[in-house]
Amino acid sequence: TIICELPKIGPHREQMRRAIAETCA
């Protein structure tokens, strides 16, 4: 969970999921 006012996370959420998944196999 990310807590912040900015930047907006929604537009980048899926790319972030994919990057974390790749790092963790």
mmCIF file of all heavy atoms, coordinates in Angstrom:
data_MODEL
# 
_entry.id   MODEL 
# 
loop_
_atom_site.group_PDB 
_atom_site.id 
_atom_site.type_symbol 
_atom_site.label_atom_id 
_atom_site.label_alt_id 
_atom_site.label_comp_id 
_atom_site.label_asym_id 
_atom_site.label_entity_id 
_atom_site.label_seq_id 
_atom_site.pdbx_PDB_ins_code 
_atom_site.Cartn_x 
_atom_site.Cartn_y 
_atom_site.Cartn_z 
_atom_site.occupancy 
_atom_site.B_iso_or_equiv 
_atom_site.pdbx_formal_charge 
_atom_site.auth_seq_id 
_atom_site.auth_comp_id 
_atom_site.auth_asym_id 
_atom_site.auth_atom_id 
_atom_site.pdbx_PDB_model_num 
ATOM 1   N N   . THR A 1 1  ? 0.846  -1.186  0.000   1.00 0.00 ? 1  THR A N   1 
ATOM 2   C CA  . THR A 1 1  ? 0.000  0.000   0.000   1.00 0.00 ? 1  THR A CA  1 
ATOM 3   C C   . THR A 1 1  ? 0.884  1.240   0.000   1.00 0.00 ? 1  THR A C   1 
ATOM 4   O O   . THR A 1 1  ? 1.833  1.333   0.795   1.00 0.00 ? 1  THR A O   1 
ATOM 5   C CB  . THR A 1 1  ? -0.924 0.035   1.226   1.00 0.00 ? 1  THR A CB  1 
ATOM 6   O OG1 . THR A 1 1  ? -1.749 -1.128  1.233   1.00 0.00 ? 1  THR A OG1 1 
ATOM 7   C CG2 . THR A 1 1  ? -1.814 1.274   1.199   1.00 0.00 ? 1  THR A CG2 1 
ATOM 8   N N   . ILE A 1 2  ? 0.593  2.183   -0.881  1.00 0.00 ? 2  ILE A N   1 
ATOM 9   C CA  . ILE A 1 2  ? 1.349  3.424   -0.990  1.00 0.00 ? 2  ILE A CA  1 
ATOM 10  C C   . ILE A 1 2  ? 0.482  4.552   -0.433  1.00 0.00 ? 2  ILE A C   1 
ATOM 11  O O   . ILE A 1 2  ? -0.686 4.681   -0.812  1.00 0.00 ? 2  ILE A O   1 
ATOM 12  C CB  . ILE A 1 2  ? 1.728  3.709   -2.453  1.00 0.00 ? 2  ILE A CB  1 
ATOM 13  C CG1 . ILE A 1 2  ? 2.507  2.522   -3.052  1.00 0.00 ? 2  ILE A CG1 1 
ATOM 14  C CG2 . ILE A 1 2  ? 2.546  4.989   -2.570  1.00 0.00 ? 2  ILE A CG2 1 
ATOM 15  C CD1 . ILE A 1 2  ? 2.622  2.580   -4.560  1.00 0.00 ? 2  ILE A CD1 1 
ATOM 16  N N   . ILE A 1 3  ? 1.055  5.350   0.455   1.00 0.00 ? 3  ILE A N   1 
ATOM 17  C CA  . ILE A 1 3  ? 0.320  6.468   1.056   1.00 0.00 ? 3  ILE A CA  1 
ATOM 18  C C   . ILE A 1 3  ? 0.933  7.772   0.582   1.00 0.00 ? 3  ILE A C   1 
ATOM 19  O O   . ILE A 1 3  ? 2.094  8.069   0.899   1.00 0.00 ? 3  ILE A O   1 
ATOM 20  C CB  . ILE A 1 3  ? 0.347  6.403   2.594   1.00 0.00 ? 3  ILE A CB  1 
ATOM 21  C CG1 . ILE A 1 3  ? -0.176 5.053   3.076   1.00 0.00 ? 3  ILE A CG1 1 
ATOM 22  C CG2 . ILE A 1 3  ? -0.474 7.521   3.211   1.00 0.00 ? 3  ILE A CG2 1 
ATOM 23  C CD1 . ILE A 1 3  ? 0.849  4.198   3.727   1.00 0.00 ? 3  ILE A CD1 1 
ATOM 24  N N   . CYS A 1 4  ? 0.183  8.531   -0.208  1.00 0.00 ? 4  CYS A N   1 
ATOM 25  C CA  . CYS A 1 4  ? 0.682  9.819   -0.698  1.00 0.00 ? 4  CYS A CA  1 
ATOM 26  C C   . CYS A 1 4  ? -0.468 10.623  -1.286  1.00 0.00 ? 4  CYS A C   1 
ATOM 27  O O   . CYS A 1 4  ? -1.518 10.072  -1.627  1.00 0.00 ? 4  CYS A O   1 
ATOM 28  C CB  . CYS A 1 4  ? 1.778  9.631   -1.753  1.00 0.00 ? 4  CYS A CB  1 
ATOM 29  S SG  . CYS A 1 4  ? 1.236  8.831   -3.272  1.00 0.00 ? 4  CYS A SG  1 
ATOM 30  N N   . GLU A 1 5  ? -0.265 11.923  -1.389  1.00 0.00 ? 5  GLU A N   1 
ATOM 31  C CA  . GLU A 1 5  ? -1.222 12.785  -2.074  1.00 0.00 ? 5  GLU A CA  1 
ATOM 32  C C   . GLU A 1 5  ? -0.895 12.846  -3.570  1.00 0.00 ? 5  GLU A C   1 
ATOM 33  O O   . GLU A 1 5  ? -1.789 12.820  -4.411  1.00 0.00 ? 5  GLU A O   1 
ATOM 34  C CB  . GLU A 1 5  ? -1.172 14.197  -1.478  1.00 0.00 ? 5  GLU A CB  1 
ATOM 35  C CG  . GLU A 1 5  ? -1.563 14.282  -0.008  1.00 0.00 ? 5  GLU A CG  1 
ATOM 36  C CD  . GLU A 1 5  ? -3.034 14.008  0.238   1.00 0.00 ? 5  GLU A CD  1 
ATOM 37  O OE1 . GLU A 1 5  ? -3.861 14.295  -0.655  1.00 0.00 ? 5  GLU A OE1 1 
ATOM 38  O OE2 . GLU A 1 5  ? -3.357 13.500  1.328   1.00 0.00 ? 5  GLU A OE2 1 
ATOM 39  N N   . LEU A 1 6  ? 0.381  12.943  -3.869  1.00 0.00 ? 6  LEU A N   1 
ATOM 40  C CA  . LEU A 1 6  ? 0.889  12.974  -5.233  1.00 0.00 ? 6  LEU A CA  1 
ATOM 41  C C   . LEU A 1 6  ? 2.221  12.239  -5.276  1.00 0.00 ? 6  LEU A C   1 
ATOM 42  O O   . LEU A 1 6  ? 2.930  12.197  -4.272  1.00 0.00 ? 6  LEU A O   1 
ATOM 43  C CB  . LEU A 1 6  ? 1.089  14.429  -5.705  1.00 0.00 ? 6  LEU A CB  1 
ATOM 44  C CG  . LEU A 1 6  ? -0.174 15.261  -5.937  1.00 0.00 ? 6  LEU A CG  1 
ATOM 45  C CD1 . LEU A 1 6  ? 0.200  16.709  -6.206  1.00 0.00 ? 6  LEU A CD1 1 
ATOM 46  C CD2 . LEU A 1 6  ? -0.989 14.709  -7.105  1.00 0.00 ? 6  LEU A CD2 1 
ATOM 47  N N   . PRO A 1 7  ? 2.577  11.637  -6.421  1.00 0.00 ? 7  PRO A N   1 
ATOM 48  C CA  . PRO A 1 7  ? 1.840  11.584  -7.681  1.00 0.00 ? 7  PRO A CA  1 
ATOM 49  C C   . PRO A 1 7  ? 0.671  10.595  -7.623  1.00 0.00 ? 7  PRO A C   1 
ATOM 50  O O   . PRO A 1 7  ? 0.588  9.781   -6.708  1.00 0.00 ? 7  PRO A O   1 
ATOM 51  C CB  . PRO A 1 7  ? 2.906  11.099  -8.675  1.00 0.00 ? 7  PRO A CB  1 
ATOM 52  C CG  . PRO A 1 7  ? 3.807  10.234  -7.836  1.00 0.00 ? 7  PRO A CG  1 
ATOM 53  C CD  . PRO A 1 7  ? 3.875  10.926  -6.499  1.00 0.00 ? 7  PRO A CD  1 
ATOM 54  N N   . LYS A 1 8  ? -0.199 10.646  -8.617  1.00 0.00 ? 8  LYS A N   1 
ATOM 55  C CA  . LYS A 1 8  ? -1.302 9.715   -8.706  1.00 0.00 ? 8  LYS A CA  1 
ATOM 56  C C   . LYS A 1 8  ? -0.769 8.322   -9.059  1.00 0.00 ? 8  LYS A C   1 
ATOM 57  O O   . LYS A 1 8  ? -0.012 8.165   -10.025 1.00 0.00 ? 8  LYS A O   1 
ATOM 58  C CB  . LYS A 1 8  ? -2.311 10.165  -9.766  1.00 0.00 ? 8  LYS A CB  1 
ATOM 59  C CG  . LYS A 1 8  ? -3.000 11.495  -9.442  1.00 0.00 ? 8  LYS A CG  1 
ATOM 60  C CD  . LYS A 1 8  ? -3.845 11.378  -8.175  1.00 0.00 ? 8  LYS A CD  1 
ATOM 61  C CE  . LYS A 1 8  ? -4.605 12.661  -7.902  1.00 0.00 ? 8  LYS A CE  1 
ATOM 62  N NZ  . LYS A 1 8  ? -5.360 12.601  -6.621  1.00 0.00 ? 8  LYS A NZ  1 
ATOM 63  N N   . ILE A 1 9  ? -1.153 7.329   -8.271  1.00 0.00 ? 9  ILE A N   1 
ATOM 64  C CA  . ILE A 1 9  ? -0.617 5.979   -8.451  1.00 0.00 ? 9  ILE A CA  1 
ATOM 65  C C   . ILE A 1 9  ? -1.428 5.169   -9.461  1.00 0.00 ? 9  ILE A C   1 
ATOM 66  O O   . ILE A 1 9  ? -0.881 4.322   -10.167 1.00 0.00 ? 9  ILE A O   1 
ATOM 67  C CB  . ILE A 1 9  ? -0.582 5.249   -7.092  1.00 0.00 ? 9  ILE A CB  1 
ATOM 68  C CG1 . ILE A 1 9  ? 0.271  6.041   -6.095  1.00 0.00 ? 9  ILE A CG1 1 
ATOM 69  C CG2 . ILE A 1 9  ? -0.044 3.831   -7.253  1.00 0.00 ? 9  ILE A CG2 1 
ATOM 70  C CD1 . ILE A 1 9  ? 1.709  6.261   -6.528  1.00 0.00 ? 9  ILE A CD1 1 
ATOM 71  N N   . GLY A 1 10 ? -2.733 5.432   -9.560  1.00 0.00 ? 10 GLY A N   1 
ATOM 72  C CA  . GLY A 1 10 ? -3.609 4.621   -10.403 1.00 0.00 ? 10 GLY A CA  1 
ATOM 73  C C   . GLY A 1 10 ? -3.110 4.365   -11.806 1.00 0.00 ? 10 GLY A C   1 
ATOM 74  O O   . GLY A 1 10 ? -3.089 3.203   -12.254 1.00 0.00 ? 10 GLY A O   1 
ATOM 75  N N   . PRO A 1 11 ? -2.646 5.391   -12.536 1.00 0.00 ? 11 PRO A N   1 
ATOM 76  C CA  . PRO A 1 11 ? -2.202 5.158   -13.911 1.00 0.00 ? 11 PRO A CA  1 
ATOM 77  C C   . PRO A 1 11 ? -0.967 4.262   -14.016 1.00 0.00 ? 11 PRO A C   1 
ATOM 78  O O   . PRO A 1 11 ? -0.649 3.762   -15.096 1.00 0.00 ? 11 PRO A O   1 
ATOM 79  C CB  . PRO A 1 11 ? -1.890 6.574   -14.419 1.00 0.00 ? 11 PRO A CB  1 
ATOM 80  C CG  . PRO A 1 11 ? -2.683 7.475   -13.540 1.00 0.00 ? 11 PRO A CG  1 
ATOM 81  C CD  . PRO A 1 11 ? -2.678 6.825   -12.198 1.00 0.00 ? 11 PRO A CD  1 
ATOM 82  N N   . HIS A 1 12 ? -0.258 4.075   -12.901 1.00 0.00 ? 12 HIS A N   1 
ATOM 83  C CA  . HIS A 1 12 ? 1.005  3.316   -12.932 1.00 0.00 ? 12 HIS A CA  1 
ATOM 84  C C   . HIS A 1 12 ? 0.912  1.991   -12.174 1.00 0.00 ? 12 HIS A C   1 
ATOM 85  O O   . HIS A 1 12 ? 1.894  1.255   -12.089 1.00 0.00 ? 12 HIS A O   1 
ATOM 86  C CB  . HIS A 1 12 ? 2.125  4.163   -12.319 1.00 0.00 ? 12 HIS A CB  1 
ATOM 87  C CG  . HIS A 1 12 ? 2.218  5.546   -12.892 1.00 0.00 ? 12 HIS A CG  1 
ATOM 88  N ND1 . HIS A 1 12 ? 2.773  5.807   -14.119 1.00 0.00 ? 12 HIS A ND1 1 
ATOM 89  C CD2 . HIS A 1 12 ? 1.796  6.748   -12.398 1.00 0.00 ? 12 HIS A CD2 1 
ATOM 90  C CE1 . HIS A 1 12 ? 2.703  7.105   -14.365 1.00 0.00 ? 12 HIS A CE1 1 
ATOM 91  N NE2 . HIS A 1 12 ? 2.114  7.695   -13.340 1.00 0.00 ? 12 HIS A NE2 1 
ATOM 92  N N   . ARG A 1 13 ? -0.262 1.692   -11.629 1.00 0.00 ? 13 ARG A N   1 
ATOM 93  C CA  . ARG A 1 13 ? -0.406 0.536   -10.740 1.00 0.00 ? 13 ARG A CA  1 
ATOM 94  C C   . ARG A 1 13 ? -0.037 -0.782  -11.432 1.00 0.00 ? 13 ARG A C   1 
ATOM 95  O O   . ARG A 1 13 ? 0.718  -1.587  -10.893 1.00 0.00 ? 13 ARG A O   1 
ATOM 96  C CB  . ARG A 1 13 ? -1.849 0.472   -10.228 1.00 0.00 ? 13 ARG A CB  1 
ATOM 97  C CG  . ARG A 1 13 ? -2.098 -0.634  -9.216  1.00 0.00 ? 13 ARG A CG  1 
ATOM 98  C CD  . ARG A 1 13 ? -3.588 -0.906  -9.060  1.00 0.00 ? 13 ARG A CD  1 
ATOM 99  N NE  . ARG A 1 13 ? -4.368 0.324   -8.955  1.00 0.00 ? 13 ARG A NE  1 
ATOM 100 C CZ  . ARG A 1 13 ? -4.628 0.931   -7.818  1.00 0.00 ? 13 ARG A CZ  1 
ATOM 101 N NH1 . ARG A 1 13 ? -4.166 0.427   -6.683  1.00 0.00 ? 13 ARG A NH1 1 
ATOM 102 N NH2 . ARG A 1 13 ? -5.355 2.040   -7.808  1.00 0.00 ? 13 ARG A NH2 1 
ATOM 103 N N   . GLU A 1 14 ? -0.587 -1.013  -12.636 1.00 0.00 ? 14 GLU A N   1 
ATOM 104 C CA  . GLU A 1 14 ? -0.350 -2.304  -13.289 1.00 0.00 ? 14 GLU A CA  1 
ATOM 105 C C   . GLU A 1 14 ? 1.108  -2.464  -13.709 1.00 0.00 ? 14 GLU A C   1 
ATOM 106 O O   . GLU A 1 14 ? 1.677  -3.549  -13.612 1.00 0.00 ? 14 GLU A O   1 
ATOM 107 C CB  . GLU A 1 14 ? -1.286 -2.460  -14.496 1.00 0.00 ? 14 GLU A CB  1 
ATOM 108 C CG  . GLU A 1 14 ? -2.752 -2.562  -14.124 1.00 0.00 ? 14 GLU A CG  1 
ATOM 109 C CD  . GLU A 1 14 ? -3.010 -3.640  -13.070 1.00 0.00 ? 14 GLU A CD  1 
ATOM 110 O OE1 . GLU A 1 14 ? -2.500 -4.756  -13.229 1.00 0.00 ? 14 GLU A OE1 1 
ATOM 111 O OE2 . GLU A 1 14 ? -3.714 -3.356  -12.085 1.00 0.00 ? 14 GLU A OE2 1 
ATOM 112 N N   . GLN A 1 15 ? 1.729  -1.376  -14.166 1.00 0.00 ? 15 GLN A N   1 
ATOM 113 C CA  . GLN A 1 15 ? 3.153  -1.456  -14.513 1.00 0.00 ? 15 GLN A CA  1 
ATOM 114 C C   . GLN A 1 15 ? 3.978  -1.772  -13.271 1.00 0.00 ? 15 GLN A C   1 
ATOM 115 O O   . GLN A 1 15 ? 4.950  -2.538  -13.323 1.00 0.00 ? 15 GLN A O   1 
ATOM 116 C CB  . GLN A 1 15 ? 3.622  -0.148  -15.147 1.00 0.00 ? 15 GLN A CB  1 
ATOM 117 C CG  . GLN A 1 15 ? 5.075  -0.198  -15.620 1.00 0.00 ? 15 GLN A CG  1 
ATOM 118 C CD  . GLN A 1 15 ? 5.578  1.132   -16.150 1.00 0.00 ? 15 GLN A CD  1 
ATOM 119 O OE1 . GLN A 1 15 ? 4.822  2.112   -16.203 1.00 0.00 ? 15 GLN A OE1 1 
ATOM 120 N NE2 . GLN A 1 15 ? 6.840  1.193   -16.540 1.00 0.00 ? 15 GLN A NE2 1 
ATOM 121 N N   . MET A 1 16 ? 3.580  -1.198  -12.141 1.00 0.00 ? 16 MET A N   1 
ATOM 122 C CA  . MET A 1 16 ? 4.278  -1.461  -10.890 1.00 0.00 ? 16 MET A CA  1 
ATOM 123 C C   . MET A 1 16 ? 4.118  -2.925  -10.472 1.00 0.00 ? 16 MET A C   1 
ATOM 124 O O   . MET A 1 16 ? 5.078  -3.581  -10.039 1.00 0.00 ? 16 MET A O   1 
ATOM 125 C CB  . MET A 1 16 ? 3.728  -0.529  -9.801  1.00 0.00 ? 16 MET A CB  1 
ATOM 126 C CG  . MET A 1 16 ? 4.688  -0.221  -8.676  1.00 0.00 ? 16 MET A CG  1 
ATOM 127 S SD  . MET A 1 16 ? 3.971  0.930   -7.470  1.00 0.00 ? 16 MET A SD  1 
ATOM 128 C CE  . MET A 1 16 ? 3.668  2.361   -8.511  1.00 0.00 ? 16 MET A CE  1 
ATOM 129 N N   . ARG A 1 17 ? 2.894  -3.444  -10.599 1.00 0.00 ? 17 ARG A N   1 
ATOM 130 C CA  . ARG A 1 17 ? 2.654  -4.857  -10.269 1.00 0.00 ? 17 ARG A CA  1 
ATOM 131 C C   . ARG A 1 17 ? 3.545  -5.760  -11.112 1.00 0.00 ? 17 ARG A C   1 
ATOM 132 O O   . ARG A 1 17 ? 4.153  -6.716  -10.609 1.00 0.00 ? 17 ARG A O   1 
ATOM 133 C CB  . ARG A 1 17 ? 1.190  -5.227  -10.494 1.00 0.00 ? 17 ARG A CB  1 
ATOM 134 C CG  . ARG A 1 17 ? 0.199  -4.661  -9.509  1.00 0.00 ? 17 ARG A CG  1 
ATOM 135 C CD  . ARG A 1 17 ? -1.201 -5.104  -9.861  1.00 0.00 ? 17 ARG A CD  1 
ATOM 136 N NE  . ARG A 1 17 ? -1.386 -6.533  -9.662  1.00 0.00 ? 17 ARG A NE  1 
ATOM 137 C CZ  . ARG A 1 17 ? -2.248 -7.289  -10.357 1.00 0.00 ? 17 ARG A CZ  1 
ATOM 138 N NH1 . ARG A 1 17 ? -2.972 -6.745  -11.322 1.00 0.00 ? 17 ARG A NH1 1 
ATOM 139 N NH2 . ARG A 1 17 ? -2.367 -8.563  -10.093 1.00 0.00 ? 17 ARG A NH2 1 
ATOM 140 N N   . ARG A 1 18 ? 3.612  -5.466  -12.399 1.00 0.00 ? 18 ARG A N   1 
ATOM 141 C CA  . ARG A 1 18 ? 4.414  -6.302  -13.291 1.00 0.00 ? 18 ARG A CA  1 
ATOM 142 C C   . ARG A 1 18 ? 5.892  -6.231  -12.935 1.00 0.00 ? 18 ARG A C   1 
ATOM 143 O O   . ARG A 1 18 ? 6.597  -7.239  -12.974 1.00 0.00 ? 18 ARG A O   1 
ATOM 144 C CB  . ARG A 1 18 ? 4.194  -5.891  -14.747 1.00 0.00 ? 18 ARG A CB  1 
ATOM 145 C CG  . ARG A 1 18 ? 2.804  -6.216  -15.278 1.00 0.00 ? 18 ARG A CG  1 
ATOM 146 C CD  . ARG A 1 18 ? 2.740  -6.097  -16.788 1.00 0.00 ? 18 ARG A CD  1 
ATOM 147 N NE  . ARG A 1 18 ? 2.891  -4.728  -17.250 1.00 0.00 ? 18 ARG A NE  1 
ATOM 148 C CZ  . ARG A 1 18 ? 1.884  -3.883  -17.428 1.00 0.00 ? 18 ARG A CZ  1 
ATOM 149 N NH1 . ARG A 1 18 ? 0.649  -4.262  -17.163 1.00 0.00 ? 18 ARG A NH1 1 
ATOM 150 N NH2 . ARG A 1 18 ? 2.097  -2.666  -17.874 1.00 0.00 ? 18 ARG A NH2 1 
ATOM 151 N N   . ALA A 1 19 ? 6.374  -5.036  -12.595 1.00 0.00 ? 19 ALA A N   1 
ATOM 152 C CA  . ALA A 1 19 ? 7.793  -4.884  -12.245 1.00 0.00 ? 19 ALA A CA  1 
ATOM 153 C C   . ALA A 1 19 ? 8.125  -5.651  -10.971 1.00 0.00 ? 19 ALA A C   1 
ATOM 154 O O   . ALA A 1 19 ? 9.163  -6.323  -10.885 1.00 0.00 ? 19 ALA A O   1 
ATOM 155 C CB  . ALA A 1 19 ? 8.130  -3.405  -12.083 1.00 0.00 ? 19 ALA A CB  1 
ATOM 156 N N   . ILE A 1 20 ? 7.256  -5.559  -9.970  1.00 0.00 ? 20 ILE A N   1 
ATOM 157 C CA  . ILE A 1 20 ? 7.491  -6.283  -8.713  1.00 0.00 ? 20 ILE A CA  1 
ATOM 158 C C   . ILE A 1 20 ? 7.422  -7.785  -8.958  1.00 0.00 ? 20 ILE A C   1 
ATOM 159 O O   . ILE A 1 20 ? 8.251  -8.556  -8.443  1.00 0.00 ? 20 ILE A O   1 
ATOM 160 C CB  . ILE A 1 20 ? 6.469  -5.852  -7.646  1.00 0.00 ? 20 ILE A CB  1 
ATOM 161 C CG1 . ILE A 1 20 ? 6.675  -4.381  -7.276  1.00 0.00 ? 20 ILE A CG1 1 
ATOM 162 C CG2 . ILE A 1 20 ? 6.576  -6.727  -6.391  1.00 0.00 ? 20 ILE A CG2 1 
ATOM 163 C CD1 . ILE A 1 20 ? 5.566  -3.792  -6.425  1.00 0.00 ? 20 ILE A CD1 1 
ATOM 164 N N   . ALA A 1 21 ? 6.433  -8.219  -9.747  1.00 0.00 ? 21 ALA A N   1 
ATOM 165 C CA  . ALA A 1 21 ? 6.298  -9.647  -10.052 1.00 0.00 ? 21 ALA A CA  1 
ATOM 166 C C   . ALA A 1 21 ? 7.537  -10.177 -10.758 1.00 0.00 ? 21 ALA A C   1 
ATOM 167 O O   . ALA A 1 21 ? 8.019  -11.278 -10.451 1.00 0.00 ? 21 ALA A O   1 
ATOM 168 C CB  . ALA A 1 21 ? 5.055  -9.877  -10.903 1.00 0.00 ? 21 ALA A CB  1 
ATOM 169 N N   . GLU A 1 22 ? 8.072  -9.401  -11.696 1.00 0.00 ? 22 GLU A N   1 
ATOM 170 C CA  . GLU A 1 22 ? 9.272  -9.844  -12.417 1.00 0.00 ? 22 GLU A CA  1 
ATOM 171 C C   . GLU A 1 22 ? 10.468 -9.925  -11.471 1.00 0.00 ? 22 GLU A C   1 
ATOM 172 O O   . GLU A 1 22 ? 11.238 -10.887 -11.523 1.00 0.00 ? 22 GLU A O   1 
ATOM 173 C CB  . GLU A 1 22 ? 9.564  -8.889  -13.564 1.00 0.00 ? 22 GLU A CB  1 
ATOM 174 C CG  . GLU A 1 22 ? 10.756 -9.309  -14.412 1.00 0.00 ? 22 GLU A CG  1 
ATOM 175 C CD  . GLU A 1 22 ? 10.954 -8.434  -15.625 1.00 0.00 ? 22 GLU A CD  1 
ATOM 176 O OE1 . GLU A 1 22 ? 10.117 -7.546  -15.859 1.00 0.00 ? 22 GLU A OE1 1 
ATOM 177 O OE2 . GLU A 1 22 ? 11.958 -8.631  -16.342 1.00 0.00 ? 22 GLU A OE2 1 
ATOM 178 N N   . THR A 1 23 ? 10.616 -8.952  -10.598 1.00 0.00 ? 23 THR A N   1 
ATOM 179 C CA  . THR A 1 23 ? 11.721 -8.970  -9.642  1.00 0.00 ? 23 THR A CA  1 
ATOM 180 C C   . THR A 1 23 ? 11.652 -10.195 -8.738  1.00 0.00 ? 23 THR A C   1 
ATOM 181 O O   . THR A 1 23 ? 12.677 -10.805 -8.413  1.00 0.00 ? 23 THR A O   1 
ATOM 182 C CB  . THR A 1 23 ? 11.699 -7.689  -8.774  1.00 0.00 ? 23 THR A CB  1 
ATOM 183 O OG1 . THR A 1 23 ? 11.902 -6.556  -9.627  1.00 0.00 ? 23 THR A OG1 1 
ATOM 184 C CG2 . THR A 1 23 ? 12.795 -7.715  -7.713  1.00 0.00 ? 23 THR A CG2 1 
ATOM 185 N N   . CYS A 1 24 ? 10.435 -10.563 -8.352  1.00 0.00 ? 24 CYS A N   1 
ATOM 186 C CA  . CYS A 1 24 ? 10.245 -11.665 -7.399  1.00 0.00 ? 24 CYS A CA  1 
ATOM 187 C C   . CYS A 1 24 ? 9.963  -13.005 -8.077  1.00 0.00 ? 24 CYS A C   1 
ATOM 188 O O   . CYS A 1 24 ? 9.720  -14.000 -7.390  1.00 0.00 ? 24 CYS A O   1 
ATOM 189 C CB  . CYS A 1 24 ? 9.104  -11.331 -6.443  1.00 0.00 ? 24 CYS A CB  1 
ATOM 190 S SG  . CYS A 1 24 ? 9.381  -9.847  -5.472  1.00 0.00 ? 24 CYS A SG  1 
ATOM 191 N N   . ALA A 1 25 ? 9.981  -13.038 -9.428  1.00 0.00 ? 25 ALA A N   1 
ATOM 192 C CA  . ALA A 1 25 ? 9.690  -14.259 -10.188 1.00 0.00 ? 25 ALA A CA  1 
ATOM 193 C C   . ALA A 1 25 ? 8.345  -14.839 -9.787  1.00 0.00 ? 25 ALA A C   1 
ATOM 194 O O   . ALA A 1 25 ? 8.195  -16.041 -9.554  1.00 0.00 ? 25 ALA A O   1 
ATOM 195 C CB  . ALA A 1 25 ? 10.803 -15.286 -10.006 1.00 0.00 ? 25 ALA A CB  1 
# 
